[in-house]
Amino acid sequence: MHDYNNDKTMMNMADETTVQARGATSSLVDATARLGQLQVEMMAGGLKAVLALLVPLSRASVELSLSMLKTFSRVMDGVTTALVPKRQV
């Protein structure tokens, strides 16, 4: 004689295992998506930090270069003035 109660118990256990596997898979997919999102946010934050550092540095380097050029120009003017004889009227 066949035990139908045992078949129902086995089917219930199989259904529970399937539900648990789906839940585990869903949790794994959610965790992977969150990790991917965190990596994107970290990259964006790092890029913003680098840009925030580069802008003031580039401004300072441009200002320093201009200052050096002005100083060099003044030195050359002084050398030219010292070397070129003055006209006497």
Protein backbone atom coordinates (compact mmCIF):
# COMPACT_ATOMS: atom_id res chain seq x y z
CA MET A 1 0.00 0.00 0.00
CA HIS A 2 1.22 3.48 -0.87
CA ASP A 3 1.70 6.09 1.83
CA TYR A 4 0.24 9.35 0.43
CA ASN A 5 1.05 11.26 3.61
CA ASN A 6 4.74 10.57 3.05
CA ASP A 7 4.44 11.89 -0.56
CA LYS A 8 2.80 15.11 0.67
CA THR A 9 5.54 15.56 3.28
CA MET A 10 8.22 15.07 0.62
CA MET A 11 6.52 17.56 -1.71
CA ASN A 12 6.24 20.13 1.09
CA MET A 13 9.92 19.69 1.90
CA ALA A 14 10.83 20.12 -1.78
CA ASP A 15 8.70 23.27 -2.00
CA GLU A 16 10.35 24.70 1.13
CA THR A 17 13.80 23.96 -0.31
CA THR A 18 12.87 25.71 -3.56
CA VAL A 19 11.59 28.75 -1.67
CA GLN A 20 14.76 28.86 0.43
CA ALA A 21 16.94 28.57 -2.69
CA ARG A 22 15.02 31.42 -4.35
CA GLY A 23 15.45 33.54 -1.23
CA ALA A 24 19.18 32.83 -1.10
CA THR A 25 19.56 33.62 -4.80
CA SER A 26 17.61 36.84 -4.40
CA SER A 27 19.75 37.86 -1.42
CA LEU A 28 22.92 37.11 -3.37
CA VAL A 29 21.75 39.19 -6.33
CA ASP A 30 20.79 42.07 -4.01
CA ALA A 31 24.17 41.95 -2.26
CA THR A 32 26.01 41.93 -5.59
CA ALA A 33 23.98 44.90 -6.82
CA ARG A 34 24.70 46.82 -3.62
CA LEU A 35 28.43 46.08 -3.92
CA GLY A 36 28.41 47.31 -7.51
CA GLN A 37 26.60 50.48 -6.49
CA LEU A 38 29.08 51.09 -3.67
CA GLN A 39 32.00 50.69 -6.06
CA VAL A 40 30.48 53.25 -8.44
CA GLU A 41 29.87 55.67 -5.56
CA MET A 42 33.45 55.21 -4.32
CA MET A 43 34.86 55.86 -7.79
CA ALA A 44 32.70 58.98 -8.17
CA GLY A 45 33.77 60.22 -4.73
CA GLY A 46 37.43 59.60 -5.54
CA LEU A 47 37.12 61.44 -8.83
CA LYS A 48 35.46 64.40 -7.10
CA ALA A 49 38.26 64.48 -4.51
CA VAL A 50 40.96 64.42 -7.20
CA LEU A 51 39.25 67.21 -9.13
CA ALA A 52 38.82 69.25 -5.97
CA LEU A 53 42.57 68.95 -5.44
CA LEU A 54 43.60 69.60 -9.04
CA VAL A 55 41.66 72.83 -9.54
CA PRO A 56 43.46 74.82 -6.81
CA LEU A 57 46.81 73.28 -7.77
CA SER A 58 46.37 74.20 -11.42
CA ARG A 59 45.39 77.75 -10.50
CA ALA A 60 48.41 78.07 -8.24
CA SER A 61 50.76 76.70 -10.91
CA VAL A 62 49.38 79.11 -13.53
CA GLU A 63 49.74 82.06 -11.15
CA LEU A 64 53.28 80.97 -10.27
CA SER A 65 54.19 80.65 -13.96
CA LEU A 66 52.82 84.10 -14.72
CA SER A 67 54.70 85.57 -11.78
CA MET A 68 57.93 83.96 -12.95
CA LEU A 69 57.42 85.30 -16.49
CA LYS A 70 56.78 88.82 -15.19
CA THR A 71 59.90 88.63 -13.03
CA PHE A 72 61.99 87.36 -15.95
CA SER A 73 60.63 90.18 -18.14
CA ARG A 74 61.58 92.79 -15.52
CA VAL A 75 65.07 91.32 -15.21
CA MET A 76 65.51 91.39 -18.98
CA ASP A 77 64.30 95.01 -19.09
CA GLY A 78 66.86 95.89 -16.43
CA VAL A 79 69.67 94.11 -18.29
CA THR A 80 68.69 95.77 -21.56
CA THR A 81 68.57 99.19 -19.91
CA ALA A 82 72.00 98.63 -18.35
CA LEU A 83 73.65 97.41 -21.55
CA VAL A 84 72.19 99.77 -24.15
CA PRO A 85 73.95 103.12 -24.15
CA LYS A 86 71.73 106.09 -23.51
CA ARG A 87 71.40 108.68 -26.22
CA GLN A 88 72.57 112.06 -25.30
CA VAL A 89 70.66 114.91 -26.77
